[in-house]
Amino acid sequence: FERFVTFREGLGMEILPTTGGARPPIDVLT
């Protein structure tokens, strides 16, 4: 999972985990 996050962030994307993040992803995406 961490390697895929690093891979996609390296392409310019912001990646939010479905669980375990500092805020619920729907709030961040809003």
Full PDB file with SEQRES, HELIX, SHEET, SSBOND, CRYST1, ORIGX, SCALE, CONECT and MASTER records, all heavy atoms in Angstrom:
SEQRES   1 A   30  PHE GLU ARG PHE VAL THR PHE ARG GLU GLY LEU GLY MET          
SEQRES   2 A   30  GLU ILE LEU PRO THR THR GLY GLY ALA ARG PRO PRO ILE          
SEQRES   3 A   30  ASP VAL LEU THR                                              
HELIX    1 AA1 GLU A    2  GLY A   10  1                                   9    
HELIX    2 AA2 PRO A   25  LEU A   29  1                                   5    
CRYST1    1.000    1.000    1.000  90.00  90.00  90.00 P 1           1          
ORIGX1      1.000000  0.000000  0.000000        0.00000                         
ORIGX2      0.000000  1.000000  0.000000        0.00000                         
ORIGX3      0.000000  0.000000  1.000000        0.00000                         
SCALE1      1.000000  0.000000  0.000000        0.00000                         
SCALE2      0.000000  1.000000  0.000000        0.00000                         
SCALE3      0.000000  0.000000  1.000000        0.00000                         
ATOM      1  N   PHE A   1       0.833  -1.204   0.000  1.00  0.00           N  
ATOM      2  CA  PHE A   1       0.000   0.000   0.000  1.00  0.00           C  
ATOM      3  C   PHE A   1       0.866   1.251   0.000  1.00  0.00           C  
ATOM      4  O   PHE A   1       0.642   2.186  -0.788  1.00  0.00           O  
ATOM      5  CB  PHE A   1      -0.912  -0.006   1.228  1.00  0.00           C  
ATOM      6  CG  PHE A   1      -1.625   1.310   1.474  1.00  0.00           C  
ATOM      7  CD1 PHE A   1      -2.705   1.679   0.688  1.00  0.00           C  
ATOM      8  CD2 PHE A   1      -1.213   2.169   2.472  1.00  0.00           C  
ATOM      9  CE1 PHE A   1      -3.348   2.886   0.890  1.00  0.00           C  
ATOM     10  CE2 PHE A   1      -1.853   3.369   2.692  1.00  0.00           C  
ATOM     11  CZ  PHE A   1      -2.930   3.730   1.905  1.00  0.00           C  
ATOM     12  N   GLU A   2       1.879   1.287   0.848  1.00  0.00           N  
ATOM     13  CA  GLU A   2       2.738   2.474   0.927  1.00  0.00           C  
ATOM     14  C   GLU A   2       3.485   2.710  -0.380  1.00  0.00           C  
ATOM     15  O   GLU A   2       3.670   3.858  -0.805  1.00  0.00           O  
ATOM     16  CB  GLU A   2       3.710   2.323   2.094  1.00  0.00           C  
ATOM     17  CG  GLU A   2       3.016   2.380   3.450  1.00  0.00           C  
ATOM     18  CD  GLU A   2       3.942   2.034   4.604  1.00  0.00           C  
ATOM     19  OE1 GLU A   2       5.101   1.641   4.330  1.00  0.00           O  
ATOM     20  OE2 GLU A   2       3.508   2.144   5.765  1.00  0.00           O  
ATOM     21  N   ARG A   3       3.898   1.633  -1.037  1.00  0.00           N  
ATOM     22  CA  ARG A   3       4.601   1.808  -2.307  1.00  0.00           C  
ATOM     23  C   ARG A   3       3.661   2.323  -3.401  1.00  0.00           C  
ATOM     24  O   ARG A   3       4.066   3.124  -4.251  1.00  0.00           O  
ATOM     25  CB  ARG A   3       5.277   0.500  -2.728  1.00  0.00           C  
ATOM     26  CG  ARG A   3       6.481   0.172  -1.863  1.00  0.00           C  
ATOM     27  CD  ARG A   3       7.233  -1.054  -2.328  1.00  0.00           C  
ATOM     28  NE  ARG A   3       8.315  -1.361  -1.395  1.00  0.00           N  
ATOM     29  CZ  ARG A   3       9.517  -0.777  -1.426  1.00  0.00           C  
ATOM     30  NH1 ARG A   3       9.781   0.148  -2.351  1.00  0.00           N  
ATOM     31  NH2 ARG A   3      10.443  -1.117  -0.542  1.00  0.00           N  
ATOM     32  N   PHE A   4       2.411   1.881  -3.387  1.00  0.00           N  
ATOM     33  CA  PHE A   4       1.473   2.407  -4.369  1.00  0.00           C  
ATOM     34  C   PHE A   4       1.158   3.874  -4.104  1.00  0.00           C  
ATOM     35  O   PHE A   4       0.999   4.666  -5.042  1.00  0.00           O  
ATOM     36  CB  PHE A   4       0.193   1.564  -4.392  1.00  0.00           C  
ATOM     37  CG  PHE A   4       0.188   0.543  -5.478  1.00  0.00           C  
ATOM     38  CD1 PHE A   4       0.565  -0.763  -5.219  1.00  0.00           C  
ATOM     39  CD2 PHE A   4      -0.162   0.883  -6.781  1.00  0.00           C  
ATOM     40  CE1 PHE A   4       0.589  -1.718  -6.223  1.00  0.00           C  
ATOM     41  CE2 PHE A   4      -0.143  -0.065  -7.793  1.00  0.00           C  
ATOM     42  CZ  PHE A   4       0.235  -1.367  -7.517  1.00  0.00           C  
ATOM     43  N   VAL A   5       1.055   4.244  -2.840  1.00  0.00           N  
ATOM     44  CA  VAL A   5       0.838   5.657  -2.522  1.00  0.00           C  
ATOM     45  C   VAL A   5       2.016   6.492  -3.020  1.00  0.00           C  
ATOM     46  O   VAL A   5       1.844   7.535  -3.663  1.00  0.00           O  
ATOM     47  CB  VAL A   5       0.628   5.849  -1.005  1.00  0.00           C  
ATOM     48  CG1 VAL A   5       0.672   7.334  -0.643  1.00  0.00           C  
ATOM     49  CG2 VAL A   5      -0.708   5.249  -0.577  1.00  0.00           C  
ATOM     50  N   THR A   6       3.224   6.028  -2.755  1.00  0.00           N  
ATOM     51  CA  THR A   6       4.421   6.744  -3.216  1.00  0.00           C  
ATOM     52  C   THR A   6       4.447   6.835  -4.743  1.00  0.00           C  
ATOM     53  O   THR A   6       4.769   7.884  -5.311  1.00  0.00           O  
ATOM     54  CB  THR A   6       5.689   6.043  -2.702  1.00  0.00           C  
ATOM     55  OG1 THR A   6       5.662   6.033  -1.271  1.00  0.00           O  
ATOM     56  CG2 THR A   6       6.939   6.752  -3.173  1.00  0.00           C  
ATOM     57  N   PHE A   7       4.117   5.729  -5.403  1.00  0.00           N  
ATOM     58  CA  PHE A   7       4.074   5.706  -6.869  1.00  0.00           C  
ATOM     59  C   PHE A   7       3.099   6.747  -7.406  1.00  0.00           C  
ATOM     60  O   PHE A   7       3.435   7.556  -8.295  1.00  0.00           O  
ATOM     61  CB  PHE A   7       3.689   4.299  -7.328  1.00  0.00           C  
ATOM     62  CG  PHE A   7       3.077   4.201  -8.687  1.00  0.00           C  
ATOM     63  CD1 PHE A   7       3.828   4.477  -9.825  1.00  0.00           C  
ATOM     64  CD2 PHE A   7       1.754   3.802  -8.838  1.00  0.00           C  
ATOM     65  CE1 PHE A   7       3.253   4.369 -11.096  1.00  0.00           C  
ATOM     66  CE2 PHE A   7       1.188   3.697 -10.097  1.00  0.00           C  
ATOM     67  CZ  PHE A   7       1.934   3.992 -11.225  1.00  0.00           C  
ATOM     68  N   ARG A   8       1.881   6.788  -6.876  1.00  0.00           N  
ATOM     69  CA  ARG A   8       0.869   7.707  -7.397  1.00  0.00           C  
ATOM     70  C   ARG A   8       1.158   9.143  -7.002  1.00  0.00           C  
ATOM     71  O   ARG A   8       0.922  10.061  -7.799  1.00  0.00           O  
ATOM     72  CB  ARG A   8      -0.516   7.248  -6.924  1.00  0.00           C  
ATOM     73  CG  ARG A   8      -0.959   5.970  -7.655  1.00  0.00           C  
ATOM     74  CD  ARG A   8      -2.182   5.321  -7.095  1.00  0.00           C  
ATOM     75  NE  ARG A   8      -2.598   4.206  -7.951  1.00  0.00           N  
ATOM     76  CZ  ARG A   8      -3.153   3.096  -7.516  1.00  0.00           C  
ATOM     77  NH1 ARG A   8      -3.383   2.926  -6.221  1.00  0.00           N  
ATOM     78  NH2 ARG A   8      -3.488   2.137  -8.356  1.00  0.00           N  
ATOM     79  N   GLU A   9       1.679   9.352  -5.816  1.00  0.00           N  
ATOM     80  CA  GLU A   9       2.064  10.711  -5.439  1.00  0.00           C  
ATOM     81  C   GLU A   9       3.185  11.215  -6.341  1.00  0.00           C  
ATOM     82  O   GLU A   9       3.237  12.407  -6.674  1.00  0.00           O  
ATOM     83  CB  GLU A   9       2.470  10.753  -3.970  1.00  0.00           C  
ATOM     84  CG  GLU A   9       1.292  10.610  -3.023  1.00  0.00           C  
ATOM     85  CD  GLU A   9       1.700  10.604  -1.555  1.00  0.00           C  
ATOM     86  OE1 GLU A   9       2.897  10.378  -1.264  1.00  0.00           O  
ATOM     87  OE2 GLU A   9       0.817  10.818  -0.698  1.00  0.00           O  
ATOM     88  N   GLY A  10       4.080  10.313  -6.749  1.00  0.00           N  
ATOM     89  CA  GLY A  10       5.152  10.698  -7.660  1.00  0.00           C  
ATOM     90  C   GLY A  10       4.640  11.127  -9.024  1.00  0.00           C  
ATOM     91  O   GLY A  10       5.340  11.844  -9.757  1.00  0.00           O  
ATOM     92  N   LEU A  11       3.423  10.712  -9.382  1.00  0.00           N  
ATOM     93  CA  LEU A  11       2.805  11.112 -10.642  1.00  0.00           C  
ATOM     94  C   LEU A  11       2.003  12.401 -10.505  1.00  0.00           C  
ATOM     95  O   LEU A  11       1.436  12.882 -11.493  1.00  0.00           O  
ATOM     96  CB  LEU A  11       1.886   9.995 -11.148  1.00  0.00           C  
ATOM     97  CG  LEU A  11       2.560   8.650 -11.430  1.00  0.00           C  
ATOM     98  CD1 LEU A  11       1.514   7.603 -11.782  1.00  0.00           C  
ATOM     99  CD2 LEU A  11       3.585   8.778 -12.553  1.00  0.00           C  
ATOM    100  N   GLY A  12       1.950  12.959  -9.296  1.00  0.00           N  
ATOM    101  CA  GLY A  12       1.270  14.230  -9.081  1.00  0.00           C  
ATOM    102  C   GLY A  12      -0.102  14.138  -8.457  1.00  0.00           C  
ATOM    103  O   GLY A  12      -0.834  15.131  -8.418  1.00  0.00           O  
ATOM    104  N   MET A  13      -0.485  12.970  -7.952  1.00  0.00           N  
ATOM    105  CA  MET A  13      -1.799  12.797  -7.351  1.00  0.00           C  
ATOM    106  C   MET A  13      -1.722  12.909  -5.829  1.00  0.00           C  
ATOM    107  O   MET A  13      -0.726  12.528  -5.221  1.00  0.00           O  
ATOM    108  CB  MET A  13      -2.381  11.421  -7.688  1.00  0.00           C  
ATOM    109  CG  MET A  13      -2.299  11.012  -9.143  1.00  0.00           C  
ATOM    110  SD  MET A  13      -2.973   9.333  -9.367  1.00  0.00           S  
ATOM    111  CE  MET A  13      -2.098   8.819 -10.851  1.00  0.00           C  
ATOM    112  N   GLU A  14      -2.789  13.409  -5.213  1.00  0.00           N  
ATOM    113  CA  GLU A  14      -2.932  13.318  -3.761  1.00  0.00           C  
ATOM    114  C   GLU A  14      -3.740  12.061  -3.451  1.00  0.00           C  
ATOM    115  O   GLU A  14      -4.853  11.890  -3.953  1.00  0.00           O  
ATOM    116  CB  GLU A  14      -3.650  14.538  -3.186  1.00  0.00           C  
ATOM    117  CG  GLU A  14      -3.807  14.450  -1.669  1.00  0.00           C  
ATOM    118  CD  GLU A  14      -4.656  15.548  -1.062  1.00  0.00           C  
ATOM    119  OE1 GLU A  14      -5.555  16.072  -1.779  1.00  0.00           O  
ATOM    120  OE2 GLU A  14      -4.454  15.886   0.112  1.00  0.00           O  
ATOM    121  N   ILE A  15      -3.173  11.170  -2.628  1.00  0.00           N  
ATOM    122  CA  ILE A  15      -3.809   9.895  -2.306  1.00  0.00           C  
ATOM    123  C   ILE A  15      -4.203   9.887  -0.830  1.00  0.00           C  
ATOM    124  O   ILE A  15      -3.370  10.093   0.054  1.00  0.00           O  
ATOM    125  CB  ILE A  15      -2.864   8.714  -2.594  1.00  0.00           C  
ATOM    126  CG1 ILE A  15      -2.372   8.768  -4.040  1.00  0.00           C  
ATOM    127  CG2 ILE A  15      -3.557   7.403  -2.299  1.00  0.00           C  
ATOM    128  CD1 ILE A  15      -3.461   8.661  -5.083  1.00  0.00           C  
ATOM    129  N   LEU A  16      -5.481   9.640  -0.578  1.00  0.00           N  
ATOM    130  CA  LEU A  16      -6.003   9.563   0.783  1.00  0.00           C  
ATOM    131  C   LEU A  16      -6.350   8.114   1.097  1.00  0.00           C  
ATOM    132  O   LEU A  16      -7.011   7.454   0.288  1.00  0.00           O  
ATOM    133  CB  LEU A  16      -7.266  10.424   0.920  1.00  0.00           C  
ATOM    134  CG  LEU A  16      -7.159  11.879   0.457  1.00  0.00           C  
ATOM    135  CD1 LEU A  16      -8.527  12.529   0.465  1.00  0.00           C  
ATOM    136  CD2 LEU A  16      -6.197  12.655   1.359  1.00  0.00           C  
ATOM    137  N   PRO A  17      -5.927   7.597   2.238  1.00  0.00           N  
ATOM    138  CA  PRO A  17      -6.316   6.223   2.590  1.00  0.00           C  
ATOM    139  C   PRO A  17      -7.801   6.156   2.943  1.00  0.00           C  
ATOM    140  O   PRO A  17      -8.366   7.113   3.492  1.00  0.00           O  
ATOM    141  CB  PRO A  17      -5.448   5.920   3.812  1.00  0.00           C  
ATOM    142  CG  PRO A  17      -5.182   7.261   4.423  1.00  0.00           C  
ATOM    143  CD  PRO A  17      -5.096   8.232   3.280  1.00  0.00           C  
ATOM    144  N   THR A  18      -8.430   5.029   2.617  1.00  0.00           N  
ATOM    145  CA  THR A  18      -9.846   4.878   2.946  1.00  0.00           C  
ATOM    146  C   THR A  18     -10.062   4.843   4.453  1.00  0.00           C  
ATOM    147  O   THR A  18     -11.117   5.256   4.943  1.00  0.00           O  
ATOM    148  CB  THR A  18     -10.418   3.599   2.322  1.00  0.00           C  
ATOM    149  OG1 THR A  18      -9.556   2.494   2.667  1.00  0.00           O  
ATOM    150  CG2 THR A  18     -10.500   3.722   0.814  1.00  0.00           C  
ATOM    151  N   THR A  19      -9.069   4.351   5.186  1.00  0.00           N  
ATOM    152  CA  THR A  19      -9.149   4.312   6.644  1.00  0.00           C  
ATOM    153  C   THR A  19      -7.801   4.724   7.220  1.00  0.00           C  
ATOM    154  O   THR A  19      -6.761   4.588   6.572  1.00  0.00           O  
ATOM    155  CB  THR A  19      -9.490   2.894   7.146  1.00  0.00           C  
ATOM    156  OG1 THR A  19      -8.484   1.974   6.677  1.00  0.00           O  
ATOM    157  CG2 THR A  19     -10.858   2.443   6.654  1.00  0.00           C  
ATOM    158  N   GLY A  20      -7.852   5.244   8.448  1.00  0.00           N  
ATOM    159  CA  GLY A  20      -6.613   5.535   9.158  1.00  0.00           C  
ATOM    160  C   GLY A  20      -6.020   6.901   8.902  1.00  0.00           C  
ATOM    161  O   GLY A  20      -4.931   7.217   9.407  1.00  0.00           O  
ATOM    162  N   GLY A  21      -6.695   7.743   8.122  1.00  0.00           N  
ATOM    163  CA  GLY A  21      -6.189   9.089   7.865  1.00  0.00           C  
ATOM    164  C   GLY A  21      -6.512  10.044   9.009  1.00  0.00           C  
ATOM    165  O   GLY A  21      -7.283   9.735   9.918  1.00  0.00           O  
ATOM    166  N   ALA A  22      -5.938  11.234   8.956  1.00  0.00           N  
ATOM    167  CA  ALA A  22      -6.179  12.221  10.008  1.00  0.00           C  
ATOM    168  C   ALA A  22      -7.619  12.714  10.004  1.00  0.00           C  
ATOM    169  O   ALA A  22      -8.173  13.056  11.054  1.00  0.00           O  
ATOM    170  CB  ALA A  22      -5.215  13.401   9.831  1.00  0.00           C  
ATOM    171  N   ARG A  23      -8.243  12.744   8.829  1.00  0.00           N  
ATOM    172  CA  ARG A  23      -9.646  13.171   8.682  1.00  0.00           C  
ATOM    173  C   ARG A  23     -10.359  12.170   7.781  1.00  0.00           C  
ATOM    174  O   ARG A  23      -9.712  11.518   6.956  1.00  0.00           O  
ATOM    175  CB  ARG A  23      -9.735  14.568   8.057  1.00  0.00           C  
ATOM    176  CG  ARG A  23      -9.099  15.680   8.854  1.00  0.00           C  
ATOM    177  CD  ARG A  23      -9.056  16.959   8.012  1.00  0.00           C  
ATOM    178  NE  ARG A  23     -10.385  17.401   7.624  1.00  0.00           N  
ATOM    179  CZ  ARG A  23     -10.622  18.234   6.591  1.00  0.00           C  
ATOM    180  NH1 ARG A  23      -9.628  18.652   5.822  1.00  0.00           N  
ATOM    181  NH2 ARG A  23     -11.858  18.617   6.315  1.00  0.00           N  
ATOM    182  N   PRO A  24     -11.683  12.049   7.896  1.00  0.00           N  
ATOM    183  CA  PRO A  24     -12.417  11.189   6.974  1.00  0.00           C  
ATOM    184  C   PRO A  24     -12.179  11.646   5.540  1.00  0.00           C  
ATOM    185  O   PRO A  24     -12.200  12.849   5.243  1.00  0.00           O  
ATOM    186  CB  PRO A  24     -13.880  11.382   7.392  1.00  0.00           C  
ATOM    187  CG  PRO A  24     -13.813  11.827   8.807  1.00  0.00           C  
ATOM    188  CD  PRO A  24     -12.560  12.645   8.921  1.00  0.00           C  
ATOM    189  N   PRO A  25     -11.934  10.700   4.612  1.00  0.00           N  
ATOM    190  CA  PRO A  25     -11.613  11.118   3.242  1.00  0.00           C  
ATOM    191  C   PRO A  25     -12.695  11.950   2.585  1.00  0.00           C  
ATOM    192  O   PRO A  25     -12.388  12.837   1.795  1.00  0.00           O  
ATOM    193  CB  PRO A  25     -11.375   9.792   2.512  1.00  0.00           C  
ATOM    194  CG  PRO A  25     -11.924   8.732   3.395  1.00  0.00           C  
ATOM    195  CD  PRO A  25     -11.851   9.244   4.785  1.00  0.00           C  
ATOM    196  N   ILE A  26     -13.965  11.704   2.916  1.00  0.00           N  
ATOM    197  CA  ILE A  26     -15.020  12.487   2.260  1.00  0.00           C  
ATOM    198  C   ILE A  26     -14.939  13.954   2.658  1.00  0.00           C  
ATOM    199  O   ILE A  26     -15.252  14.846   1.852  1.00  0.00           O  
ATOM    200  CB  ILE A  26     -16.412  11.893   2.547  1.00  0.00           C  
ATOM    201  CG1 ILE A  26     -17.438  12.509   1.600  1.00  0.00           C  
ATOM    202  CG2 ILE A  26     -16.809  12.083   4.010  1.00  0.00           C  
ATOM    203  CD1 ILE A  26     -18.752  11.776   1.535  1.00  0.00           C  
ATOM    204  N   ASP A  27     -14.498  14.235   3.880  1.00  0.00           N  
ATOM    205  CA  ASP A  27     -14.349  15.634   4.302  1.00  0.00           C  
ATOM    206  C   ASP A  27     -13.202  16.306   3.547  1.00  0.00           C  
ATOM    207  O   ASP A  27     -13.315  17.454   3.109  1.00  0.00           O  
ATOM    208  CB  ASP A  27     -14.108  15.712   5.807  1.00  0.00           C  
ATOM    209  CG  ASP A  27     -15.323  15.298   6.622  1.00  0.00           C  
ATOM    210  OD1 ASP A  27     -16.439  15.277   6.059  1.00  0.00           O  
ATOM    211  OD2 ASP A  27     -15.155  14.985   7.818  1.00  0.00           O  
ATOM    212  N   VAL A  28     -12.088  15.577   3.394  1.00  0.00           N  
ATOM    213  CA  VAL A  28     -10.953  16.132   2.664  1.00  0.00           C  
ATOM    214  C   VAL A  28     -11.326  16.346   1.196  1.00  0.00           C  
ATOM    215  O   VAL A  28     -11.018  17.394   0.604  1.00  0.00           O  
ATOM    216  CB  VAL A  28      -9.725  15.216   2.783  1.00  0.00           C  
ATOM    217  CG1 VAL A  28      -8.543  15.798   2.001  1.00  0.00           C  
ATOM    218  CG2 VAL A  28      -9.342  15.012   4.240  1.00  0.00           C  
ATOM    219  N   LEU A  29     -12.008  15.375   0.598  1.00  0.00           N  
ATOM    220  CA  LEU A  29     -12.374  15.497  -0.813  1.00  0.00           C  
ATOM    221  C   LEU A  29     -13.377  16.628  -1.027  1.00  0.00           C  
ATOM    222  O   LEU A  29     -13.352  17.298  -2.072  1.00  0.00           O  
ATOM    223  CB  LEU A  29     -12.933  14.177  -1.328  1.00  0.00           C  
ATOM    224  CG  LEU A  29     -11.930  13.026  -1.392  1.00  0.00           C  
ATOM    225  CD1 LEU A  29     -12.624  11.740  -1.841  1.00  0.00           C  
ATOM    226  CD2 LEU A  29     -10.770  13.344  -2.325  1.00  0.00           C  
ATOM    227  N   THR A  30     -14.256  16.863  -0.057  1.00  0.00           N  
ATOM    228  CA  THR A  30     -15.163  18.011  -0.143  1.00  0.00           C  
ATOM    229  C   THR A  30     -14.374  19.309  -0.223  1.00  0.00           C  
ATOM    230  O   THR A  30     -14.656  20.183  -1.056  1.00  0.00           O  
ATOM    231  CB  THR A  30     -16.106  18.028   1.070  1.00  0.00           C  
ATOM    232  OG1 THR A  30     -16.938  16.858   1.034  1.00  0.00           O  
ATOM    233  CG2 THR A  30     -16.990  19.259   1.057  1.00  0.00           C  
TER     234      THR A  30                                                      
MASTER        0    0    0    2    0    0    0    6  233    1    0    3          
END                                                                             
